[in-house]
Amino acid sequence: MHKAISCILTSSILITIALTAPMTLAADAKKPSTEAPAKKKKVVQHSVDGKIKAVDKTSMTITVEGKQKKEYVVHVTSQTRMTKAGKPATLNDAIVGEDLSARVAKNASGTGDALSIRFGPKAKVQPAKKKGVTKAEAKKP
């Protein structure tokens, strides 16, 4: 009789383990990983301000003479946003001797790729008119 009870008990334990093992594995797969995610490399950005010294349309570069007479080479990519007088521009709009302001990010090779470039002086923005009644209008009878 003891053999029959221990055989039934062992069988029921094995069946319980066999039925619950897949559920335990599925629950472990749904848990978020405790490992830290791989950190993205921080992109180093800086500004370049100065006068355009040279424009090379074949290599898509602009040489800029900075305020301390230091030269910078800015690489123009297909992702570079360019403006002139507040309107979209192209590399053809760059004129030697003109002011330039660029936001540059270092690429994998260590050179600077322009994120944005502004040719010429900063565009003047008209202040928005305030809505409502002015003091002069309020005094009128």
Protein backbone atom coordinates (compact mmCIF):
# COMPACT_ATOMS: atom_id res chain seq x y z
CA MET A 1 0.00 0.00 0.00
CA HIS A 2 2.85 2.37 0.83
CA LYS A 3 4.33 1.74 -2.57
CA ALA A 4 1.07 2.67 -4.28
CA ILE A 5 0.71 5.92 -2.27
CA SER A 6 4.31 6.97 -2.89
CA CYS A 7 3.95 6.12 -6.59
CA ILE A 8 0.78 8.26 -6.86
CA LEU A 9 2.41 11.09 -4.87
CA THR A 10 5.54 11.06 -7.04
CA SER A 11 3.44 10.98 -10.20
CA SER A 12 1.32 13.94 -9.08
CA ILE A 13 4.43 15.98 -8.20
CA LEU A 14 5.97 15.28 -11.62
CA ILE A 15 2.72 16.21 -13.40
CA THR A 16 2.48 19.47 -11.39
CA ILE A 17 6.06 20.39 -12.28
CA ALA A 18 5.49 19.54 -15.94
CA LEU A 19 2.34 21.70 -16.11
CA THR A 20 3.70 24.75 -14.24
CA ALA A 21 7.18 24.92 -15.85
CA PRO A 22 5.98 26.53 -19.12
CA MET A 23 4.02 29.15 -17.15
CA THR A 24 7.07 30.04 -15.06
CA LEU A 25 9.26 30.38 -18.17
CA ALA A 26 6.67 32.62 -19.84
CA ALA A 27 6.46 34.86 -16.76
CA ASP A 28 10.26 35.19 -16.67
CA ALA A 29 10.31 36.18 -20.34
CA LYS A 30 7.81 39.01 -19.69
CA LYS A 31 9.84 40.56 -16.84
CA PRO A 32 11.78 43.68 -17.80
CA SER A 33 15.49 43.22 -18.00
CA THR A 34 17.45 44.43 -14.98
CA GLU A 35 20.47 45.09 -17.16
CA ALA A 36 21.12 48.72 -18.01
CA PRO A 37 20.31 49.54 -21.64
CA ALA A 38 23.24 50.46 -23.84
CA LYS A 39 23.88 54.18 -23.51
CA LYS A 40 23.69 56.24 -26.67
CA LYS A 41 26.81 58.13 -27.47
CA LYS A 42 26.35 61.83 -26.72
CA VAL A 43 26.64 64.00 -29.81
CA VAL A 44 29.03 66.91 -29.30
CA GLN A 45 27.65 70.10 -30.82
CA HIS A 46 29.08 73.60 -31.07
CA SER A 47 28.49 76.85 -32.96
CA VAL A 48 30.63 78.30 -35.68
CA ASP A 49 30.27 82.03 -36.34
CA GLY A 50 32.31 84.12 -38.74
CA LYS A 51 32.76 85.13 -42.37
CA ILE A 52 32.71 82.73 -45.32
CA LYS A 53 36.24 82.39 -46.67
CA ALA A 54 35.65 79.68 -49.31
CA VAL A 55 32.84 77.50 -50.68
CA ASP A 56 33.59 74.12 -52.26
CA LYS A 57 30.43 72.84 -53.92
CA THR A 58 31.97 69.54 -55.08
CA SER A 59 33.10 68.45 -51.63
CA MET A 60 30.11 70.20 -49.99
CA THR A 61 32.22 72.24 -47.55
CA ILE A 62 32.35 75.85 -46.41
CA THR A 63 35.52 77.33 -44.91
CA VAL A 64 34.71 79.91 -42.24
CA GLU A 65 37.09 82.41 -40.67
CA GLY A 66 36.02 82.72 -37.05
CA LYS A 67 36.14 85.81 -34.88
CA GLN A 68 39.61 84.92 -33.54
CA LYS A 69 40.91 84.45 -37.12
CA LYS A 70 40.68 80.68 -36.69
CA GLU A 71 39.49 78.70 -39.73
CA TYR A 72 36.76 76.08 -39.53
CA VAL A 73 35.65 73.68 -42.25
CA VAL A 74 31.93 72.99 -42.11
CA HIS A 75 30.64 69.93 -43.99
CA VAL A 76 27.19 70.29 -45.53
CA THR A 77 25.08 67.11 -45.62
CA SER A 78 21.66 66.29 -47.04
CA GLN A 79 20.29 66.78 -43.50
CA THR A 80 21.67 70.33 -43.11
CA ARG A 81 19.00 73.04 -42.84
CA MET A 82 20.15 76.27 -44.51
CA THR A 83 18.51 79.71 -44.39
CA LYS A 84 19.23 83.16 -45.75
CA ALA A 85 17.20 86.22 -44.71
CA GLY A 86 14.79 83.89 -42.90
CA LYS A 87 14.03 81.83 -46.02
CA PRO A 88 15.26 78.36 -47.09
CA ALA A 89 18.61 78.44 -48.89
CA THR A 90 21.08 76.14 -50.65
CA LEU A 91 24.87 75.95 -50.86
CA ASN A 92 24.62 78.09 -54.02
CA ASP A 93 23.40 80.98 -51.81
CA ALA A 94 26.70 81.10 -49.88
CA ILE A 95 28.79 84.15 -50.85
CA VAL A 96 32.46 84.60 -49.89
CA GLY A 97 32.80 87.40 -47.32
CA GLU A 98 29.24 86.98 -46.04
CA ASP A 99 28.43 86.31 -42.37
CA LEU A 100 27.70 82.71 -41.43
CA SER A 101 26.37 81.12 -38.27
CA ALA A 102 26.24 77.32 -38.08
CA ARG A 103 25.38 74.62 -35.56
CA VAL A 104 27.86 71.76 -36.04
CA ALA A 105 27.99 68.19 -34.67
CA LYS A 106 31.12 66.04 -34.72
CA ASN A 107 30.74 62.92 -36.82
CA ALA A 108 32.45 59.53 -36.43
CA SER A 109 35.57 60.69 -38.29
CA GLY A 110 35.94 63.70 -35.98
CA THR A 111 35.03 66.37 -38.52
CA GLY A 112 32.04 68.69 -38.18
CA ASP A 113 28.76 68.09 -39.99
CA ALA A 114 26.50 71.14 -40.11
CA LEU A 115 23.06 70.64 -38.59
CA SER A 116 21.94 74.16 -39.54
CA ILE A 117 23.50 77.13 -41.33
CA ARG A 118 22.36 80.74 -41.52
CA PHE A 119 23.87 82.87 -44.30
CA GLY A 120 24.02 86.64 -43.87
CA PRO A 121 22.85 88.70 -40.91
CA LYS A 122 20.22 87.40 -38.53
CA ALA A 123 16.73 87.92 -39.95
CA LYS A 124 14.84 90.71 -38.21
CA VAL A 125 11.63 89.46 -36.67
CA GLN A 126 8.72 91.89 -36.44
CA PRO A 127 7.21 91.86 -32.93
CA ALA A 128 3.66 90.61 -32.93
CA LYS A 129 0.96 93.23 -32.43
CA LYS A 130 -0.81 92.97 -29.13
CA LYS A 131 -4.50 92.29 -29.28
CA GLY A 132 -6.86 94.56 -27.41
CA VAL A 133 -7.22 98.26 -26.90
CA THR A 134 -4.18 100.53 -26.48
CA LYS A 135 -4.11 103.37 -23.93
CA ALA A 136 -4.39 105.98 -26.70
CA GLU A 137 -7.44 104.28 -28.15
CA ALA A 138 -9.05 103.98 -24.72
CA LYS A 139 -8.79 107.76 -24.13
CA LYS A 140 -10.55 108.66 -27.38
CA PRO A 141 -14.17 109.84 -26.85
